[in-house]
Amino acid sequence: MTTREEGGTQRTWPRRLAQGVSVLTALLIAAGLVAQRISDGPTGPISGGRLQSGELVSDPDIDWSFAVGQEIELQLVEPMGSRTTGVMVHEGELYVACDLGFIWARFSGRRRWILNVIYLFKGWHEDVMRDGRVVLRIEGKLYERQAVRVIDPELLGRLRRQVEVGVAEWIAPEPLAAAPTDGPNDIWFFRMDPRPGNDLAGARNLGHESDDERTAS
C-alpha cells in the first residue's frame, strides 16, 4: 500500500465510524419511539402510549378527594399520547394544570433549567383543545373524561392561588418568588368533566372493557 493510499485510509475510517454511530443512534431512537408509542402509558417523565391496563370506572359522578396530592397518568384520545402529571381538586371538581411559566419561571438553577427544557417541548395543552377526550389512570383505575379549559377569570384566580399554596407546601424548598411579569408566565387549567355520551360503545372504541364486560368474561 502506498503512502497516499495509507493516508486516504486514515482519513476515511473516522468518517465511516462517525456515519456508523449516527446510523446506530438513529435506529436506537426510532426503536425507542416505537416502544414508547406501544407502551402501556408513560414511564416516569417520558410520554407513552395508550393506557391499556386497569379497571374502567363507568360512574360519571366521582368523589375525587382520594386523588389529592397524587401524580396521575393522562392520555389524550386524539392525538393519542400519555404523560404523567399532577392533579388538583377544587370545590369537588378535578383539574389538571399545565404550567407554562407561572410556577417554573420562579425557580432558579438546575430546576429552572430542566423545567424550561420540558416547557420547550410541551404541547399537550394545545392538542387537548382539538378534541378534549382524555383517559385518566389513578391508582390503577381508568376514568374517561372530557377536558374543558377554564377561562372564567374569578375561577382562574382561585386555581392559581391554590397552585401557589400547594407548590409552597410540597415542592419549593424556599419561599416561592412573586409571579413573573414577563413571559413565559402562563398556566392553563383543564376541568375533568364527565364525557358526553360516555357509554359502553365508547369504552369498546377505546379498547377498554367495561365493568359489565369484565364480569361477563
N, C-alpha and C. Protein backbone atom coordinates (compact mmCIF):
# COMPACT_ATOMS: atom_id res chain seq x y z
N MET A 1 0.85 -1.20 0.00
CA MET A 1 0.00 0.00 0.00
C MET A 1 0.88 1.24 0.00
N THR A 2 0.60 2.18 -0.88
CA THR A 2 1.41 3.38 -0.97
C THR A 2 1.10 4.33 0.17
N THR A 3 1.98 5.31 0.32
CA THR A 3 1.77 6.31 1.37
C THR A 3 0.48 7.07 1.16
N ARG A 4 0.16 7.38 -0.13
CA ARG A 4 -1.08 8.11 -0.43
C ARG A 4 -2.29 7.26 -0.05
N GLU A 5 -2.23 5.95 -0.35
CA GLU A 5 -3.35 5.08 -0.02
C GLU A 5 -3.52 4.97 1.49
N GLU A 6 -2.38 4.88 2.21
CA GLU A 6 -2.46 4.80 3.67
C GLU A 6 -3.09 6.07 4.24
N GLY A 7 -2.72 7.23 3.69
CA GLY A 7 -3.29 8.48 4.15
C GLY A 7 -4.78 8.57 3.89
N GLY A 8 -5.19 8.05 2.71
CA GLY A 8 -6.61 8.07 2.39
C GLY A 8 -7.41 7.19 3.33
N THR A 9 -6.82 6.02 3.66
CA THR A 9 -7.50 5.11 4.57
C THR A 9 -7.64 5.71 5.96
N GLN A 10 -6.59 6.38 6.42
CA GLN A 10 -6.62 7.01 7.73
C GLN A 10 -7.66 8.11 7.80
N ARG A 11 -7.87 8.80 6.68
CA ARG A 11 -8.87 9.88 6.68
C ARG A 11 -10.29 9.33 6.54
N THR A 12 -10.42 8.13 5.95
CA THR A 12 -11.74 7.59 5.66
C THR A 12 -12.37 6.89 6.86
N TRP A 13 -11.57 6.12 7.62
CA TRP A 13 -12.19 5.31 8.67
C TRP A 13 -12.85 6.13 9.77
N PRO A 14 -12.33 7.29 10.19
CA PRO A 14 -13.07 8.06 11.20
C PRO A 14 -14.43 8.52 10.67
N ARG A 15 -14.47 8.87 9.37
CA ARG A 15 -15.73 9.31 8.78
C ARG A 15 -16.73 8.16 8.74
N ARG A 16 -16.24 6.97 8.37
CA ARG A 16 -17.13 5.80 8.33
C ARG A 16 -17.61 5.44 9.74
N LEU A 17 -16.73 5.57 10.74
CA LEU A 17 -17.11 5.28 12.11
C LEU A 17 -18.19 6.26 12.58
N ALA A 18 -18.00 7.53 12.24
CA ALA A 18 -18.99 8.54 12.62
C ALA A 18 -20.34 8.27 11.95
N GLN A 19 -20.29 7.86 10.68
CA GLN A 19 -21.53 7.53 9.97
C GLN A 19 -22.22 6.33 10.61
N GLY A 20 -21.42 5.33 10.99
CA GLY A 20 -21.99 4.15 11.63
C GLY A 20 -22.63 4.48 12.97
N VAL A 21 -21.97 5.33 13.75
CA VAL A 21 -22.52 5.74 15.04
C VAL A 21 -23.82 6.52 14.84
N SER A 22 -23.84 7.37 13.81
CA SER A 22 -25.05 8.16 13.52
C SER A 22 -26.22 7.25 13.16
N VAL A 23 -25.95 6.25 12.31
CA VAL A 23 -27.00 5.32 11.90
C VAL A 23 -27.50 4.53 13.11
N LEU A 24 -26.57 4.04 13.94
CA LEU A 24 -26.95 3.27 15.12
C LEU A 24 -27.78 4.12 16.08
N THR A 25 -27.37 5.37 16.26
CA THR A 25 -28.11 6.26 17.14
C THR A 25 -29.53 6.49 16.62
N ALA A 26 -29.65 6.70 15.29
CA ALA A 26 -30.96 6.91 14.69
C ALA A 26 -31.85 5.68 14.88
N LEU A 27 -31.28 4.48 14.71
CA LEU A 27 -32.04 3.25 14.88
C LEU A 27 -32.50 3.09 16.32
N LEU A 28 -31.62 3.41 17.28
CA LEU A 28 -31.98 3.31 18.69
C LEU A 28 -33.09 4.29 19.04
N ILE A 29 -33.00 5.50 18.51
CA ILE A 29 -34.05 6.50 18.76
C ILE A 29 -35.37 6.05 18.18
N ALA A 30 -35.32 5.52 16.93
CA ALA A 30 -36.54 5.04 16.28
C ALA A 30 -37.16 3.89 17.07
N ALA A 31 -36.32 2.96 17.53
CA ALA A 31 -36.83 1.84 18.31
C ALA A 31 -37.44 2.32 19.62
N GLY A 32 -36.79 3.31 20.23
CA GLY A 32 -37.32 3.87 21.47
C GLY A 32 -38.66 4.54 21.27
N LEU A 33 -38.81 5.26 20.15
CA LEU A 33 -40.08 5.93 19.87
C LEU A 33 -41.20 4.94 19.62
N VAL A 34 -40.87 3.84 18.88
CA VAL A 34 -41.87 2.81 18.63
C VAL A 34 -42.29 2.15 19.95
N ALA A 35 -41.31 1.81 20.79
CA ALA A 35 -41.62 1.20 22.08
C ALA A 35 -42.45 2.13 22.94
N GLN A 36 -42.13 3.41 22.86
CA GLN A 36 -42.85 4.42 23.64
C GLN A 36 -44.31 4.49 23.22
N ARG A 37 -44.57 4.43 21.93
CA ARG A 37 -45.94 4.57 21.43
C ARG A 37 -46.80 3.34 21.72
N ILE A 38 -46.18 2.17 21.85
CA ILE A 38 -46.97 0.97 22.10
C ILE A 38 -46.96 0.58 23.57
N SER A 39 -46.27 1.36 24.40
CA SER A 39 -46.20 1.04 25.82
C SER A 39 -47.53 1.34 26.51
N ASP A 40 -47.74 0.71 27.64
CA ASP A 40 -48.96 0.92 28.42
C ASP A 40 -48.77 2.15 29.30
N GLY A 41 -48.88 3.31 28.65
CA GLY A 41 -48.76 4.56 29.39
C GLY A 41 -47.33 5.07 29.47
N PRO A 42 -47.15 6.19 30.15
CA PRO A 42 -45.83 6.81 30.24
C PRO A 42 -44.91 6.07 31.19
N THR A 43 -43.63 6.37 31.08
CA THR A 43 -42.63 5.85 32.00
C THR A 43 -41.98 7.04 32.69
N GLY A 44 -42.42 7.32 33.90
CA GLY A 44 -41.92 8.49 34.60
C GLY A 44 -42.23 9.76 33.81
N PRO A 45 -41.21 10.58 33.56
CA PRO A 45 -41.44 11.81 32.80
C PRO A 45 -41.51 11.61 31.29
N ILE A 46 -41.26 10.38 30.83
CA ILE A 46 -41.25 10.09 29.40
C ILE A 46 -42.65 9.72 28.95
N SER A 47 -43.16 10.42 27.95
CA SER A 47 -44.52 10.15 27.47
C SER A 47 -44.61 8.76 26.86
N GLY A 48 -45.84 8.24 26.81
CA GLY A 48 -46.02 6.87 26.33
C GLY A 48 -47.26 6.72 25.48
N GLY A 49 -47.71 5.48 25.36
CA GLY A 49 -48.83 5.17 24.50
C GLY A 49 -50.15 5.09 25.25
N ARG A 50 -51.10 4.36 24.66
CA ARG A 50 -52.45 4.28 25.21
C ARG A 50 -52.45 3.58 26.56
N LEU A 51 -53.26 4.09 27.48
CA LEU A 51 -53.43 3.45 28.77
C LEU A 51 -54.26 2.19 28.57
N GLN A 52 -53.66 1.04 28.77
CA GLN A 52 -54.31 -0.22 28.43
C GLN A 52 -54.82 -0.99 29.64
N SER A 53 -54.05 -1.04 30.69
CA SER A 53 -54.45 -1.85 31.84
C SER A 53 -55.20 -1.01 32.85
N GLY A 54 -56.06 -1.69 33.60
CA GLY A 54 -56.80 -1.01 34.64
C GLY A 54 -58.30 -1.18 34.47
N GLU A 55 -59.02 -1.15 35.56
CA GLU A 55 -60.48 -1.26 35.56
C GLU A 55 -61.09 0.05 35.10
N LEU A 56 -62.01 -0.01 34.14
CA LEU A 56 -62.68 1.18 33.65
C LEU A 56 -63.84 1.53 34.57
N VAL A 57 -63.80 2.72 35.16
CA VAL A 57 -64.86 3.18 36.06
C VAL A 57 -65.91 3.91 35.22
N SER A 58 -67.12 3.39 35.19
CA SER A 58 -68.16 3.95 34.34
C SER A 58 -68.99 5.02 35.04
N ASP A 59 -68.94 5.10 36.36
CA ASP A 59 -69.72 6.08 37.11
C ASP A 59 -69.20 7.48 36.81
N PRO A 60 -70.03 8.38 36.28
CA PRO A 60 -69.55 9.73 35.95
C PRO A 60 -69.39 10.62 37.17
N ASP A 61 -70.05 10.27 38.28
CA ASP A 61 -70.00 11.09 39.50
C ASP A 61 -68.97 10.50 40.45
N ILE A 62 -67.81 11.14 40.51
CA ILE A 62 -66.69 10.62 41.28
C ILE A 62 -66.37 11.58 42.42
N ASP A 63 -66.11 11.01 43.59
CA ASP A 63 -65.56 11.79 44.70
C ASP A 63 -64.05 11.79 44.52
N TRP A 64 -63.50 12.92 44.06
CA TRP A 64 -62.10 12.98 43.70
C TRP A 64 -61.17 13.25 44.88
N SER A 65 -61.68 13.26 46.08
CA SER A 65 -60.83 13.59 47.23
C SER A 65 -59.65 12.63 47.37
N PHE A 66 -59.81 11.40 46.91
CA PHE A 66 -58.72 10.42 47.01
C PHE A 66 -57.53 10.78 46.13
N ALA A 67 -57.75 11.64 45.13
CA ALA A 67 -56.68 11.96 44.17
C ALA A 67 -55.81 13.14 44.60
N VAL A 68 -56.17 13.79 45.69
CA VAL A 68 -55.42 14.97 46.14
C VAL A 68 -53.96 14.59 46.41
N GLY A 69 -53.05 15.36 45.84
CA GLY A 69 -51.62 15.15 46.08
C GLY A 69 -51.00 14.02 45.29
N GLN A 70 -51.75 13.41 44.38
CA GLN A 70 -51.23 12.29 43.61
C GLN A 70 -50.75 12.71 42.23
N GLU A 71 -49.80 11.96 41.72
CA GLU A 71 -49.47 12.04 40.30
C GLU A 71 -50.34 11.02 39.58
N ILE A 72 -50.82 11.39 38.40
CA ILE A 72 -51.69 10.51 37.64
C ILE A 72 -51.12 10.35 36.24
N GLU A 73 -51.73 9.46 35.48
CA GLU A 73 -51.39 9.30 34.06
C GLU A 73 -52.55 9.85 33.24
N LEU A 74 -52.23 10.71 32.31
CA LEU A 74 -53.23 11.38 31.47
C LEU A 74 -52.98 11.03 30.02
N GLN A 75 -54.01 10.45 29.37
CA GLN A 75 -53.91 10.11 27.95
C GLN A 75 -54.88 10.93 27.14
N LEU A 76 -54.40 11.54 26.07
CA LEU A 76 -55.27 12.18 25.10
C LEU A 76 -55.74 11.12 24.12
N VAL A 77 -57.02 11.17 23.74
CA VAL A 77 -57.54 10.22 22.77
C VAL A 77 -57.10 10.60 21.37
N GLU A 78 -57.12 11.90 21.06
CA GLU A 78 -56.72 12.36 19.73
C GLU A 78 -56.13 13.76 19.83
N PRO A 79 -54.85 13.92 19.49
CA PRO A 79 -53.88 12.89 19.09
C PRO A 79 -53.46 12.05 20.29
N MET A 80 -53.31 10.75 20.06
CA MET A 80 -53.06 9.82 21.14
C MET A 80 -51.66 10.00 21.71
N GLY A 81 -51.59 10.01 23.03
CA GLY A 81 -50.33 10.10 23.74
C GLY A 81 -50.64 10.23 25.21
N SER A 82 -49.73 9.78 26.07
CA SER A 82 -49.97 9.84 27.51
C SER A 82 -48.76 10.42 28.21
N ARG A 83 -49.00 11.00 29.37
CA ARG A 83 -47.94 11.60 30.15
C ARG A 83 -48.32 11.54 31.63
N THR A 84 -47.31 11.69 32.48
CA THR A 84 -47.52 11.76 33.92
C THR A 84 -47.70 13.21 34.32
N THR A 85 -48.69 13.49 35.16
CA THR A 85 -48.94 14.86 35.57
C THR A 85 -49.56 14.87 36.95
N GLY A 86 -49.71 16.05 37.49
CA GLY A 86 -50.36 16.20 38.79
C GLY A 86 -51.80 16.64 38.61
N VAL A 87 -52.59 16.50 39.66
CA VAL A 87 -53.97 16.95 39.63
C VAL A 87 -54.26 17.76 40.88
N MET A 88 -55.34 18.49 40.83
CA MET A 88 -55.80 19.23 41.99
C MET A 88 -57.32 19.15 42.05
N VAL A 89 -57.84 19.23 43.26
CA VAL A 89 -59.28 19.19 43.47
C VAL A 89 -59.70 20.53 44.04
N HIS A 90 -60.70 21.15 43.40
CA HIS A 90 -61.22 22.44 43.85
C HIS A 90 -62.73 22.39 43.85
N GLU A 91 -63.30 22.56 45.05
CA GLU A 91 -64.76 22.51 45.22
C GLU A 91 -65.35 21.24 44.61
N GLY A 92 -64.66 20.13 44.82
CA GLY A 92 -65.15 18.83 44.39
C GLY A 92 -64.86 18.46 42.95
N GLU A 93 -64.34 19.41 42.17
CA GLU A 93 -64.03 19.14 40.77
C GLU A 93 -62.54 18.82 40.61
N LEU A 94 -62.24 17.94 39.65
CA LEU A 94 -60.86 17.56 39.39
C LEU A 94 -60.29 18.42 38.26
N TYR A 95 -59.08 18.95 38.47
CA TYR A 95 -58.43 19.81 37.49
C TYR A 95 -57.01 19.31 37.22
N VAL A 96 -56.59 19.49 35.98
CA VAL A 96 -55.19 19.25 35.59
C VAL A 96 -54.62 20.57 35.12
N ALA A 97 -53.50 20.95 35.69
CA ALA A 97 -52.85 22.22 35.32
C ALA A 97 -51.71 21.96 34.36
N CYS A 98 -51.49 22.91 33.47
CA CYS A 98 -50.34 22.87 32.56
C CYS A 98 -49.55 24.15 32.80
N ASP A 99 -48.42 24.01 33.48
CA ASP A 99 -47.60 25.17 33.85
C ASP A 99 -46.80 25.65 32.65
N LEU A 100 -47.03 26.87 32.25
CA LEU A 100 -46.34 27.47 31.11
C LEU A 100 -45.47 28.64 31.56
N GLY A 101 -44.94 28.53 32.76
CA GLY A 101 -44.05 29.56 33.29
C GLY A 101 -44.55 30.23 34.55
N PHE A 102 -45.81 30.05 34.88
CA PHE A 102 -46.38 30.67 36.07
C PHE A 102 -45.66 30.20 37.33
N ILE A 103 -45.28 28.92 37.38
CA ILE A 103 -44.57 28.38 38.53
C ILE A 103 -43.08 28.19 38.24
N TRP A 104 -42.75 27.47 37.17
CA TRP A 104 -41.34 27.10 36.97
C TRP A 104 -40.44 28.30 36.75
N ALA A 105 -40.99 29.40 36.19
CA ALA A 105 -40.17 30.58 35.94
C ALA A 105 -39.74 31.26 37.24
N ARG A 106 -40.31 30.86 38.37
CA ARG A 106 -39.92 31.44 39.66
C ARG A 106 -38.74 30.70 40.30
N PHE A 107 -38.43 29.52 39.76
CA PHE A 107 -37.33 28.75 40.31
C PHE A 107 -36.00 29.28 39.77
N SER A 108 -34.94 28.72 40.28
CA SER A 108 -33.61 29.11 39.82
C SER A 108 -32.74 27.87 39.69
N GLY A 109 -31.58 28.05 39.06
CA GLY A 109 -30.62 26.97 38.97
C GLY A 109 -31.06 25.82 38.10
N ARG A 110 -30.66 24.63 38.51
CA ARG A 110 -30.88 23.43 37.70
C ARG A 110 -32.36 23.13 37.53
N ARG A 111 -33.14 23.33 38.60
CA ARG A 111 -34.58 23.04 38.49
C ARG A 111 -35.23 23.88 37.41
N ARG A 112 -34.91 25.16 37.39
CA ARG A 112 -35.48 26.05 36.37
C ARG A 112 -35.04 25.61 34.98
N TRP A 113 -33.77 25.23 34.83
CA TRP A 113 -33.26 24.84 33.52
C TRP A 113 -33.99 23.60 33.01
N ILE A 114 -34.16 22.60 33.88
CA ILE A 114 -34.84 21.36 33.48
C ILE A 114 -36.28 21.65 33.09
N LEU A 115 -36.98 22.43 33.90
CA LEU A 115 -38.38 22.73 33.61
C LEU A 115 -38.53 23.59 32.36
N ASN A 116 -37.53 24.41 32.10
CA ASN A 116 -37.56 25.22 30.88
C ASN A 116 -37.43 24.33 29.65
N VAL A 117 -36.56 23.33 29.72
CA VAL A 117 -36.41 22.39 28.60
C VAL A 117 -37.72 21.63 28.38
N ILE A 118 -38.35 21.18 29.46
CA ILE A 118 -39.64 20.49 29.34
C ILE A 118 -40.67 21.41 28.70
N TYR A 119 -40.66 22.67 29.10
CA TYR A 119 -41.61 23.64 28.56
C TYR A 119 -41.46 23.79 27.04
N LEU A 120 -40.21 23.77 26.57
CA LEU A 120 -39.96 23.94 25.14
C LEU A 120 -40.60 22.84 24.30
N PHE A 121 -40.75 21.65 24.89
CA PHE A 121 -41.32 20.52 24.15
C PHE A 121 -42.77 20.25 24.55
N LYS A 122 -43.36 21.11 25.38
CA LYS A 122 -44.71 20.88 25.87
C LYS A 122 -45.73 21.35 24.84
N GLY A 123 -46.66 20.49 24.49
CA GLY A 123 -47.68 20.87 23.52
C GLY A 123 -49.02 20.20 23.76
N TRP A 124 -49.10 19.36 24.80
CA TRP A 124 -50.33 18.61 25.01
C TRP A 124 -51.50 19.52 25.32
N HIS A 125 -51.23 20.69 25.94
CA HIS A 125 -52.32 21.60 26.30
C HIS A 125 -53.00 22.16 25.05
N GLU A 126 -52.24 22.29 23.98
CA GLU A 126 -52.84 22.74 22.72
C GLU A 126 -53.51 21.57 21.99
N ASP A 127 -52.91 20.39 22.10
CA ASP A 127 -53.51 19.21 21.46
C ASP A 127 -54.88 18.90 22.06
N VAL A 128 -55.01 19.03 23.37
CA VAL A 128 -56.27 18.66 24.01
C VAL A 128 -57.40 19.60 23.61
N MET A 129 -57.06 20.79 23.14
CA MET A 129 -58.09 21.74 22.71
C MET A 129 -58.77 21.27 21.42
N ARG A 130 -58.11 20.40 20.65
CA ARG A 130 -58.68 19.93 19.38
C ARG A 130 -59.81 18.93 19.57
N ASP A 131 -59.72 18.16 20.66
CA ASP A 131 -60.68 17.07 20.85
C ASP A 131 -61.27 17.10 22.26
N GLY A 132 -60.43 17.09 23.25
CA GLY A 132 -60.88 17.18 24.64
C GLY A 132 -61.09 15.85 25.33
N ARG A 133 -61.20 14.76 24.58
CA ARG A 133 -61.40 13.46 25.22
C ARG A 133 -60.08 12.98 25.82
N VAL A 134 -60.15 12.59 27.08
CA VAL A 134 -58.97 12.10 27.77
C VAL A 134 -59.32 10.87 28.58
N VAL A 135 -58.29 10.12 28.94
CA VAL A 135 -58.43 8.99 29.85
C VAL A 135 -57.44 9.21 30.99
N LEU A 136 -57.91 9.08 32.21
CA LEU A 136 -57.06 9.21 33.38
C LEU A 136 -56.84 7.84 34.00
N ARG A 137 -55.62 7.60 34.47
CA ARG A 137 -55.38 6.38 35.26
C ARG A 137 -54.89 6.81 36.63
N ILE A 138 -55.71 6.48 37.63
CA ILE A 138 -55.40 6.87 39.00
C ILE A 138 -55.54 5.62 39.88
N GLU A 139 -54.47 5.29 40.57
CA GLU A 139 -54.46 4.10 41.43
C GLU A 139 -54.92 2.85 40.68
N GLY A 140 -54.49 2.75 39.43
CA GLY A 140 -54.77 1.56 38.63
C GLY A 140 -56.13 1.51 37.99
N LYS A 141 -56.95 2.57 38.16
CA LYS A 141 -58.27 2.59 37.55
C LYS A 141 -58.34 3.65 36.46
N LEU A 142 -59.17 3.39 35.44
CA LEU A 142 -59.29 4.26 34.28
C LEU A 142 -60.59 5.07 34.37
N TYR A 143 -60.46 6.35 34.01
CA TYR A 143 -61.61 7.25 34.01
C TYR A 143 -61.64 8.00 32.68
N GLU A 144 -62.74 7.84 31.95
CA GLU A 144 -62.89 8.57 30.69
C GLU A 144 -63.53 9.93 30.99
N ARG A 145 -62.84 11.00 30.60
CA ARG A 145 -63.34 12.33 30.92
C ARG A 145 -63.23 13.24 29.70
N GLN A 146 -63.80 14.43 29.85
CA GLN A 146 -63.72 15.47 28.84
C GLN A 146 -62.98 16.64 29.45
N ALA A 147 -61.83 16.99 28.88
CA ALA A 147 -61.03 18.10 29.40
C ALA A 147 -61.58 19.42 28.87
N VAL A 148 -61.96 20.30 29.79
CA VAL A 148 -62.54 21.59 29.43
C VAL A 148 -61.66 22.69 30.02
N ARG A 149 -61.14 23.56 29.16
CA ARG A 149 -60.26 24.62 29.64
C ARG A 149 -61.04 25.65 30.44
N VAL A 150 -60.47 26.06 31.56
CA VAL A 150 -61.07 27.07 32.41
C VAL A 150 -60.71 28.45 31.86
N ILE A 151 -61.73 29.28 31.64
CA ILE A 151 -61.48 30.64 31.14
C ILE A 151 -62.11 31.70 32.03
N ASP A 152 -62.91 31.29 33.03
CA ASP A 152 -63.53 32.25 33.93
C ASP A 152 -62.45 32.92 34.79
N PRO A 153 -62.32 34.25 34.73
CA PRO A 153 -61.24 34.95 35.45
C PRO A 153 -61.26 34.72 36.96
N GLU A 154 -62.44 34.72 37.56
CA GLU A 154 -62.52 34.53 39.00
C GLU A 154 -62.05 33.14 39.41
N LEU A 155 -62.51 32.12 38.67
CA LEU A 155 -62.09 30.76 38.96
C LEU A 155 -60.60 30.59 38.69
N LEU A 156 -60.08 31.18 37.62
CA LEU A 156 -58.66 31.11 37.33
C LEU A 156 -57.84 31.67 38.49
N GLY A 157 -58.29 32.78 39.05
CA GLY A 157 -57.58 33.37 40.17
C GLY A 157 -57.53 32.44 41.37
N ARG A 158 -58.64 31.78 41.66
CA ARG A 158 -58.67 30.86 42.80
C ARG A 158 -57.76 29.65 42.55
N LEU A 159 -57.78 29.14 41.32
CA LEU A 159 -56.94 27.99 41.00
C LEU A 159 -55.46 28.35 41.05
N ARG A 160 -55.10 29.52 40.57
CA ARG A 160 -53.71 29.96 40.63
C ARG A 160 -53.24 30.04 42.08
N ARG A 161 -54.08 30.62 42.94
CA ARG A 161 -53.69 30.72 44.35
C ARG A 161 -53.55 29.34 44.98
N GLN A 162 -54.44 28.42 44.61
CA GLN A 162 -54.34 27.07 45.16
C GLN A 162 -53.06 26.39 44.72
N VAL A 163 -52.66 26.58 43.45
CA VAL A 163 -51.41 26.01 42.96
C VAL A 163 -50.22 26.60 43.72
N GLU A 164 -50.23 27.90 43.93
CA GLU A 164 -49.12 28.54 44.65
C GLU A 164 -48.98 27.99 46.07
N VAL A 165 -50.11 27.82 46.75
CA VAL A 165 -50.07 27.26 48.09
C VAL A 165 -49.54 25.83 48.07
N GLY A 166 -50.02 25.04 47.11
CA GLY A 166 -49.57 23.65 47.02
C GLY A 166 -48.09 23.53 46.72
N VAL A 167 -47.60 24.37 45.79
CA VAL A 167 -46.18 24.34 45.45
C VAL A 167 -45.34 24.75 46.65
N ALA A 168 -45.78 25.78 47.35
CA ALA A 168 -45.03 26.25 48.51
C ALA A 168 -44.95 25.18 49.60
N GLU A 169 -46.00 24.37 49.72
CA GLU A 169 -46.02 23.35 50.77
C GLU A 169 -45.28 22.07 50.39
N TRP A 170 -45.39 21.67 49.10
CA TRP A 170 -44.93 20.35 48.72
C TRP A 170 -43.67 20.32 47.85
N ILE A 171 -43.38 21.41 47.14
CA ILE A 171 -42.29 21.36 46.17
C ILE A 171 -41.16 22.32 46.51
N ALA A 172 -41.48 23.60 46.62
CA ALA A 172 -40.44 24.61 46.75
C ALA A 172 -39.68 24.46 48.07
N PRO A 173 -38.34 24.40 48.02
CA PRO A 173 -37.54 24.29 49.26
C PRO A 173 -37.39 25.63 49.97
N GLU A 174 -37.81 26.70 49.34
CA GLU A 174 -37.69 28.04 49.91
C GLU A 174 -38.93 28.83 49.50
N PRO A 175 -39.16 30.00 50.13
CA PRO A 175 -40.36 30.78 49.79
C PRO A 175 -40.47 31.01 48.28
N LEU A 176 -41.68 30.83 47.77
CA LEU A 176 -41.92 30.97 46.34
C LEU A 176 -41.84 32.44 45.95
N ALA A 177 -41.10 32.72 44.89
CA ALA A 177 -40.96 34.09 44.41
C ALA A 177 -42.28 34.60 43.86
N ALA A 178 -42.34 35.90 43.66
CA ALA A 178 -43.56 36.51 43.10
C ALA A 178 -43.78 36.02 41.68
N ALA A 179 -45.03 36.06 41.25
CA ALA A 179 -45.37 35.62 39.90
C ALA A 179 -44.62 36.45 38.87
N PRO A 180 -44.06 35.82 37.84
CA PRO A 180 -43.33 36.56 36.81
C PRO A 180 -44.25 37.48 36.03
N THR A 181 -43.72 38.64 35.66
CA THR A 181 -44.50 39.59 34.86
C THR A 181 -44.19 39.46 33.38
N ASP A 182 -43.03 38.93 33.05
CA ASP A 182 -42.65 38.72 31.66
C ASP A 182 -42.83 37.25 31.30
N GLY A 183 -43.14 37.00 30.02
CA GLY A 183 -43.35 35.63 29.56
C GLY A 183 -42.05 34.85 29.48
N PRO A 184 -42.16 33.50 29.50
CA PRO A 184 -43.41 32.73 29.69
C PRO A 184 -43.87 32.77 31.15
N ASN A 185 -45.14 33.07 31.36
CA ASN A 185 -45.65 33.20 32.72
C ASN A 185 -47.11 32.77 32.86
N ASP A 186 -47.54 31.88 31.98
CA ASP A 186 -48.94 31.48 31.97
C ASP A 186 -49.13 30.13 32.65
N ILE A 187 -50.37 29.79 32.90
CA ILE A 187 -50.73 28.45 33.37
C ILE A 187 -52.16 28.18 32.91
N TRP A 188 -52.38 27.01 32.34
CA TRP A 188 -53.71 26.61 31.87
C TRP A 188 -54.26 25.58 32.84
N PHE A 189 -55.59 25.63 33.01
CA PHE A 189 -56.28 24.63 33.83
C PHE A 189 -57.36 23.96 33.00
N PHE A 190 -57.45 22.65 33.16
CA PHE A 190 -58.49 21.88 32.48
C PHE A 190 -59.31 21.14 33.54
N ARG A 191 -60.62 21.35 33.49
CA ARG A 191 -61.53 20.63 34.38
C ARG A 191 -61.87 19.29 33.73
N MET A 192 -61.83 18.23 34.53
CA MET A 192 -62.08 16.89 34.02
C MET A 192 -63.57 16.56 34.18
N ASP A 193 -64.36 16.95 33.21
CA ASP A 193 -65.81 16.74 33.24
C ASP A 193 -66.16 15.33 32.79
N PRO A 194 -67.37 14.85 33.17
CA PRO A 194 -67.85 13.59 32.57
C PRO A 194 -67.92 13.75 31.06
N ARG A 195 -67.59 12.70 30.35
CA ARG A 195 -67.57 12.78 28.90
C ARG A 195 -68.99 12.65 28.34
N PRO A 196 -69.40 13.56 27.46
CA PRO A 196 -70.73 13.45 26.85
C PRO A 196 -70.88 12.14 26.09
N GLY A 197 -72.02 11.47 26.30
CA GLY A 197 -72.25 10.22 25.57
C GLY A 197 -71.33 9.11 25.99
N ASN A 198 -70.82 9.18 27.23
CA ASN A 198 -69.90 8.15 27.71
C ASN A 198 -70.69 6.88 27.99
N ASP A 199 -70.56 5.89 27.10
CA ASP A 199 -71.33 4.66 27.24
C ASP A 199 -70.47 3.46 26.91
N LEU A 200 -71.11 2.30 26.83
CA LEU A 200 -70.39 1.07 26.57
C LEU A 200 -69.71 1.07 25.22
N ALA A 201 -70.34 1.70 24.22
CA ALA A 201 -69.74 1.74 22.88
C ALA A 201 -68.46 2.54 22.91
N GLY A 202 -68.48 3.64 23.67
CA GLY A 202 -67.26 4.44 23.76
C GLY A 202 -66.13 3.67 24.39
N ALA A 203 -66.48 2.85 25.39
CA ALA A 203 -65.45 2.05 26.04
C ALA A 203 -64.84 1.06 25.06
N ARG A 204 -65.68 0.45 24.23
CA ARG A 204 -65.15 -0.51 23.26
C ARG A 204 -64.26 0.19 22.24
N ASN A 205 -64.67 1.37 21.81
CA ASN A 205 -63.89 2.09 20.80
C ASN A 205 -62.50 2.43 21.30
N LEU A 206 -62.36 2.64 22.59
CA LEU A 206 -61.05 2.98 23.15
C LEU A 206 -60.24 1.74 23.49
N GLY A 207 -60.84 0.57 23.31
CA GLY A 207 -60.11 -0.65 23.64
C GLY A 207 -60.14 -0.96 25.11
N HIS A 208 -61.08 -0.38 25.87
CA HIS A 208 -61.19 -0.64 27.29
C HIS A 208 -62.45 -1.44 27.54
N GLU A 209 -62.35 -2.43 28.36
CA GLU A 209 -63.51 -3.22 28.73
C GLU A 209 -64.30 -2.49 29.79
N SER A 210 -65.61 -2.57 29.71
CA SER A 210 -66.45 -2.01 30.75
C SER A 210 -66.50 -2.99 31.93
N ASP A 211 -67.05 -2.53 33.06
CA ASP A 211 -67.20 -3.41 34.21
C ASP A 211 -68.05 -4.61 33.86
N ASP A 212 -69.16 -4.39 33.08
CA ASP A 212 -70.04 -5.49 32.71
C ASP A 212 -69.31 -6.52 31.84
N GLU A 213 -68.50 -6.01 30.91
CA GLU A 213 -67.77 -6.92 30.03
C GLU A 213 -66.79 -7.75 30.82
N ARG A 214 -66.11 -7.14 31.81
CA ARG A 214 -65.14 -7.89 32.61
C ARG A 214 -65.85 -8.98 33.40
N THR A 215 -67.05 -8.64 33.94
CA THR A 215 -67.81 -9.63 34.71
C THR A 215 -68.23 -10.79 33.84
N ALA A 216 -68.68 -10.45 32.61
CA ALA A 216 -69.13 -11.50 31.70
C ALA A 216 -68.01 -12.41 31.27
N SER A 217 -66.79 -11.87 31.18
CA SER A 217 -65.68 -12.69 30.73
C SER A 217 -65.05 -13.48 31.87
